[in-house]
Amino acid sequence: MTPLILLAGMIAVFWVLIVLPQRRRRQRQSMLLGELKEGDEVMTVGGLFGFVREVGEGHVVLEIAPETRVRFAKNAVTARTEPDPEATESPETSLP
C-alpha cells in the first residue's frame, strides 16, 4: 500500500510542477496570438523585434526596419513588447 501512495504522490508533484505551468504557458501564448493586431511591437522566437503590419491566418508580417518587412509563422511570435520611446526619437532631437 505504501508504494502506491508514494507513486500517487510523485504523480501529483509531477502534475503540479510540469503539466500545469506548461498548460498556462500554452494558454497565454494562444491568447497572445489571438489578440495580435497591426501596430503591435512583438518579439519572435529568434529574438527579432518588429512591428506587426499584417496578420494572416497562420502568419504575420513584421516590419523590422523602415521599409523592411518579413513574413513569419504566427507561432514564432513569443511576446508583445512596449515600444522604446528613445528609439522613435530622431537623432537631431536627442542631442543636448
N, C-alpha and C. Protein backbone atom coordinates (compact mmCIF):
# COMPACT_ATOMS: atom_id res chain seq x y z
N MET A 1 0.81 -1.20 0.00
CA MET A 1 0.00 0.00 0.00
C MET A 1 0.86 1.26 0.00
N THR A 2 1.96 1.24 0.72
CA THR A 2 2.84 2.39 0.80
C THR A 2 3.42 2.76 -0.56
N PRO A 3 3.87 1.78 -1.37
CA PRO A 3 4.39 2.17 -2.70
C PRO A 3 3.34 2.85 -3.58
N LEU A 4 2.09 2.46 -3.44
CA LEU A 4 1.02 3.09 -4.22
C LEU A 4 0.82 4.54 -3.80
N ILE A 5 0.87 4.80 -2.52
CA ILE A 5 0.73 6.17 -2.02
C ILE A 5 1.91 7.01 -2.49
N LEU A 6 3.11 6.43 -2.43
CA LEU A 6 4.31 7.13 -2.89
C LEU A 6 4.22 7.44 -4.39
N LEU A 7 3.76 6.48 -5.16
CA LEU A 7 3.60 6.67 -6.61
C LEU A 7 2.57 7.76 -6.91
N ALA A 8 1.44 7.73 -6.18
CA ALA A 8 0.41 8.76 -6.38
C ALA A 8 0.95 10.14 -6.02
N GLY A 9 1.74 10.22 -4.96
CA GLY A 9 2.35 11.50 -4.57
C GLY A 9 3.31 12.00 -5.63
N MET A 10 4.11 11.11 -6.21
CA MET A 10 5.05 11.51 -7.27
C MET A 10 4.31 11.99 -8.51
N ILE A 11 3.22 11.33 -8.84
CA ILE A 11 2.42 11.76 -10.00
C ILE A 11 1.81 13.13 -9.74
N ALA A 12 1.33 13.35 -8.51
CA ALA A 12 0.74 14.65 -8.18
C ALA A 12 1.79 15.76 -8.25
N VAL A 13 2.98 15.51 -7.75
CA VAL A 13 4.06 16.51 -7.81
C VAL A 13 4.44 16.78 -9.26
N PHE A 14 4.55 15.73 -10.08
CA PHE A 14 4.84 15.88 -11.50
C PHE A 14 3.79 16.76 -12.16
N TRP A 15 2.52 16.49 -11.87
CA TRP A 15 1.42 17.25 -12.45
C TRP A 15 1.52 18.74 -12.09
N VAL A 16 1.77 19.02 -10.82
CA VAL A 16 1.81 20.40 -10.35
C VAL A 16 3.04 21.14 -10.88
N LEU A 17 4.18 20.47 -10.94
CA LEU A 17 5.42 21.14 -11.34
C LEU A 17 5.65 21.19 -12.84
N ILE A 18 5.09 20.25 -13.58
CA ILE A 18 5.37 20.18 -15.03
C ILE A 18 4.14 20.50 -15.87
N VAL A 19 3.06 19.81 -15.66
CA VAL A 19 1.90 19.89 -16.55
C VAL A 19 1.15 21.22 -16.41
N LEU A 20 0.84 21.64 -15.19
CA LEU A 20 0.06 22.87 -15.01
C LEU A 20 0.78 24.11 -15.53
N PRO A 21 2.07 24.34 -15.23
CA PRO A 21 2.74 25.52 -15.79
C PRO A 21 2.79 25.50 -17.32
N GLN A 22 3.00 24.32 -17.90
CA GLN A 22 3.04 24.22 -19.36
C GLN A 22 1.68 24.55 -19.96
N ARG A 23 0.62 24.11 -19.32
CA ARG A 23 -0.73 24.39 -19.79
C ARG A 23 -1.01 25.89 -19.73
N ARG A 24 -0.61 26.55 -18.64
CA ARG A 24 -0.80 28.00 -18.52
C ARG A 24 -0.01 28.75 -19.58
N ARG A 25 1.22 28.32 -19.82
CA ARG A 25 2.06 28.96 -20.83
C ARG A 25 1.44 28.85 -22.21
N ARG A 26 0.93 27.66 -22.53
CA ARG A 26 0.27 27.46 -23.82
C ARG A 26 -0.98 28.32 -23.95
N GLN A 27 -1.73 28.46 -22.87
CA GLN A 27 -2.95 29.26 -22.88
C GLN A 27 -2.61 30.74 -23.09
N ARG A 28 -1.56 31.24 -22.41
CA ARG A 28 -1.15 32.64 -22.60
C ARG A 28 -0.67 32.88 -24.03
N GLN A 29 0.07 31.91 -24.59
CA GLN A 29 0.57 32.04 -25.96
C GLN A 29 -0.57 32.11 -26.96
N SER A 30 -1.56 31.24 -26.81
CA SER A 30 -2.68 31.25 -27.75
C SER A 30 -3.50 32.53 -27.59
N MET A 31 -3.61 33.04 -26.36
CA MET A 31 -4.32 34.30 -26.15
C MET A 31 -3.56 35.46 -26.83
N LEU A 32 -2.24 35.47 -26.70
CA LEU A 32 -1.42 36.49 -27.34
C LEU A 32 -1.59 36.45 -28.85
N LEU A 33 -1.53 35.28 -29.43
CA LEU A 33 -1.66 35.16 -30.88
C LEU A 33 -3.05 35.57 -31.36
N GLY A 34 -4.05 35.31 -30.57
CA GLY A 34 -5.41 35.69 -30.94
C GLY A 34 -5.65 37.19 -30.86
N GLU A 35 -4.88 37.88 -30.00
CA GLU A 35 -5.06 39.32 -29.81
C GLU A 35 -4.12 40.17 -30.65
N LEU A 36 -3.28 39.56 -31.47
CA LEU A 36 -2.34 40.35 -32.28
C LEU A 36 -3.10 41.26 -33.23
N LYS A 37 -2.61 42.49 -33.34
CA LYS A 37 -3.22 43.43 -34.29
C LYS A 37 -2.12 44.30 -34.88
N GLU A 38 -2.45 44.95 -35.97
CA GLU A 38 -1.47 45.80 -36.65
C GLU A 38 -1.01 46.91 -35.71
N GLY A 39 0.29 47.16 -35.73
CA GLY A 39 0.86 48.21 -34.90
C GLY A 39 1.50 47.71 -33.63
N ASP A 40 1.21 46.47 -33.21
CA ASP A 40 1.82 45.92 -32.00
C ASP A 40 3.31 45.70 -32.24
N GLU A 41 4.12 45.98 -31.21
CA GLU A 41 5.54 45.62 -31.29
C GLU A 41 5.69 44.27 -30.62
N VAL A 42 6.32 43.33 -31.32
CA VAL A 42 6.45 41.97 -30.82
C VAL A 42 7.89 41.48 -30.91
N MET A 43 8.14 40.37 -30.21
CA MET A 43 9.43 39.70 -30.29
C MET A 43 9.19 38.28 -30.78
N THR A 44 10.06 37.79 -31.65
CA THR A 44 9.93 36.44 -32.18
C THR A 44 10.78 35.47 -31.37
N VAL A 45 10.63 34.19 -31.68
CA VAL A 45 11.40 33.15 -31.01
C VAL A 45 12.89 33.39 -31.20
N GLY A 46 13.29 33.90 -32.33
CA GLY A 46 14.70 34.16 -32.61
C GLY A 46 15.23 35.44 -32.00
N GLY A 47 14.39 36.18 -31.29
CA GLY A 47 14.83 37.41 -30.64
C GLY A 47 14.74 38.64 -31.53
N LEU A 48 14.03 38.53 -32.64
CA LEU A 48 13.87 39.64 -33.56
C LEU A 48 12.68 40.50 -33.14
N PHE A 49 12.89 41.81 -33.04
CA PHE A 49 11.82 42.73 -32.67
C PHE A 49 11.28 43.39 -33.93
N GLY A 50 9.98 43.62 -33.97
CA GLY A 50 9.38 44.29 -35.11
C GLY A 50 7.96 44.70 -34.82
N PHE A 51 7.41 45.48 -35.74
CA PHE A 51 6.03 45.94 -35.62
C PHE A 51 5.16 45.11 -36.55
N VAL A 52 4.00 44.69 -36.07
CA VAL A 52 3.07 43.89 -36.86
C VAL A 52 2.45 44.81 -37.91
N ARG A 53 2.57 44.43 -39.16
CA ARG A 53 1.98 45.21 -40.26
C ARG A 53 0.83 44.48 -40.92
N GLU A 54 0.76 43.16 -40.75
CA GLU A 54 -0.32 42.38 -41.34
C GLU A 54 -0.47 41.09 -40.53
N VAL A 55 -1.71 40.70 -40.27
CA VAL A 55 -1.98 39.46 -39.54
C VAL A 55 -2.80 38.57 -40.45
N GLY A 56 -2.26 37.40 -40.77
CA GLY A 56 -2.96 36.42 -41.59
C GLY A 56 -3.44 35.26 -40.74
N GLU A 57 -3.96 34.24 -41.40
CA GLU A 57 -4.46 33.06 -40.69
C GLU A 57 -3.34 32.34 -39.95
N GLY A 58 -2.23 32.10 -40.61
CA GLY A 58 -1.13 31.36 -39.99
C GLY A 58 0.18 32.11 -40.00
N HIS A 59 0.14 33.38 -40.40
CA HIS A 59 1.38 34.15 -40.48
C HIS A 59 1.16 35.60 -40.07
N VAL A 60 2.26 36.27 -39.78
CA VAL A 60 2.25 37.71 -39.53
C VAL A 60 3.37 38.33 -40.34
N VAL A 61 3.17 39.56 -40.76
CA VAL A 61 4.21 40.30 -41.46
C VAL A 61 4.72 41.36 -40.49
N LEU A 62 6.02 41.31 -40.21
CA LEU A 62 6.65 42.25 -39.30
C LEU A 62 7.52 43.22 -40.05
N GLU A 63 7.48 44.47 -39.63
CA GLU A 63 8.39 45.48 -40.17
C GLU A 63 9.53 45.58 -39.16
N ILE A 64 10.72 45.09 -39.57
CA ILE A 64 11.85 45.04 -38.66
C ILE A 64 12.77 46.24 -38.81
N ALA A 65 12.61 46.98 -39.89
CA ALA A 65 13.34 48.21 -40.14
C ALA A 65 12.48 49.01 -41.12
N PRO A 66 12.74 50.30 -41.26
CA PRO A 66 11.92 51.06 -42.21
C PRO A 66 11.93 50.42 -43.60
N GLU A 67 10.75 50.16 -44.11
CA GLU A 67 10.55 49.55 -45.44
C GLU A 67 11.13 48.15 -45.56
N THR A 68 11.36 47.44 -44.45
CA THR A 68 11.84 46.06 -44.47
C THR A 68 10.81 45.20 -43.76
N ARG A 69 10.09 44.42 -44.54
CA ARG A 69 9.04 43.57 -43.98
C ARG A 69 9.39 42.11 -44.19
N VAL A 70 9.10 41.32 -43.16
CA VAL A 70 9.42 39.90 -43.18
C VAL A 70 8.19 39.13 -42.72
N ARG A 71 7.92 38.01 -43.38
CA ARG A 71 6.76 37.19 -43.02
C ARG A 71 7.22 36.06 -42.09
N PHE A 72 6.52 35.89 -40.98
CA PHE A 72 6.83 34.86 -40.00
C PHE A 72 5.60 33.99 -39.77
N ALA A 73 5.84 32.76 -39.34
CA ALA A 73 4.75 31.92 -38.86
C ALA A 73 4.21 32.57 -37.60
N LYS A 74 2.92 32.54 -37.44
CA LYS A 74 2.30 33.19 -36.28
C LYS A 74 2.84 32.63 -34.97
N ASN A 75 3.14 31.34 -34.93
CA ASN A 75 3.64 30.71 -33.71
C ASN A 75 5.04 31.18 -33.34
N ALA A 76 5.74 31.88 -34.24
CA ALA A 76 7.08 32.37 -33.95
C ALA A 76 7.05 33.60 -33.04
N VAL A 77 5.88 34.22 -32.90
CA VAL A 77 5.76 35.39 -32.03
C VAL A 77 5.65 34.89 -30.60
N THR A 78 6.56 35.38 -29.74
CA THR A 78 6.57 34.90 -28.35
C THR A 78 6.07 35.93 -27.35
N ALA A 79 6.21 37.22 -27.66
CA ALA A 79 5.81 38.23 -26.67
C ALA A 79 5.47 39.53 -27.36
N ARG A 80 4.60 40.29 -26.71
CA ARG A 80 4.30 41.65 -27.14
C ARG A 80 5.16 42.55 -26.26
N THR A 81 5.83 43.52 -26.87
CA THR A 81 6.71 44.40 -26.11
C THR A 81 6.19 45.83 -26.18
N GLU A 82 6.70 46.65 -25.30
CA GLU A 82 6.34 48.06 -25.29
C GLU A 82 7.32 48.80 -26.21
N PRO A 83 6.85 49.71 -27.05
CA PRO A 83 7.75 50.46 -27.91
C PRO A 83 8.75 51.27 -27.08
N ASP A 84 9.99 51.29 -27.53
CA ASP A 84 11.05 52.04 -26.85
C ASP A 84 10.95 53.50 -27.27
N PRO A 85 10.64 54.42 -26.35
CA PRO A 85 10.46 55.83 -26.74
C PRO A 85 11.75 56.46 -27.25
N GLU A 86 12.90 55.98 -26.80
CA GLU A 86 14.18 56.53 -27.26
C GLU A 86 14.45 56.14 -28.71
N ALA A 87 13.96 54.99 -29.12
CA ALA A 87 14.21 54.52 -30.48
C ALA A 87 13.41 55.32 -31.50
N THR A 88 12.31 55.94 -31.08
CA THR A 88 11.47 56.67 -32.03
C THR A 88 11.92 58.11 -32.18
N GLU A 89 12.80 58.59 -31.29
CA GLU A 89 13.29 59.96 -31.42
C GLU A 89 14.25 60.06 -32.58
N SER A 90 14.24 61.19 -33.24
CA SER A 90 15.21 61.37 -34.32
C SER A 90 16.55 61.79 -33.68
N PRO A 91 17.66 61.51 -34.35
CA PRO A 91 18.97 61.83 -33.77
C PRO A 91 19.16 63.33 -33.51
N GLU A 92 18.52 64.18 -34.30
CA GLU A 92 18.68 65.62 -34.13
C GLU A 92 18.04 66.11 -32.83
N THR A 93 16.93 65.48 -32.43
CA THR A 93 16.24 65.94 -31.22
C THR A 93 16.85 65.38 -29.97
N SER A 94 17.67 64.32 -30.08
CA SER A 94 18.23 63.73 -28.88
C SER A 94 19.56 64.37 -28.47
N LEU A 95 20.10 65.26 -29.30
CA LEU A 95 21.35 65.95 -28.95
C LEU A 95 21.08 67.04 -27.95
N PRO A 96 22.02 67.27 -26.99
CA PRO A 96 21.80 68.34 -26.00
C PRO A 96 21.93 69.72 -26.58
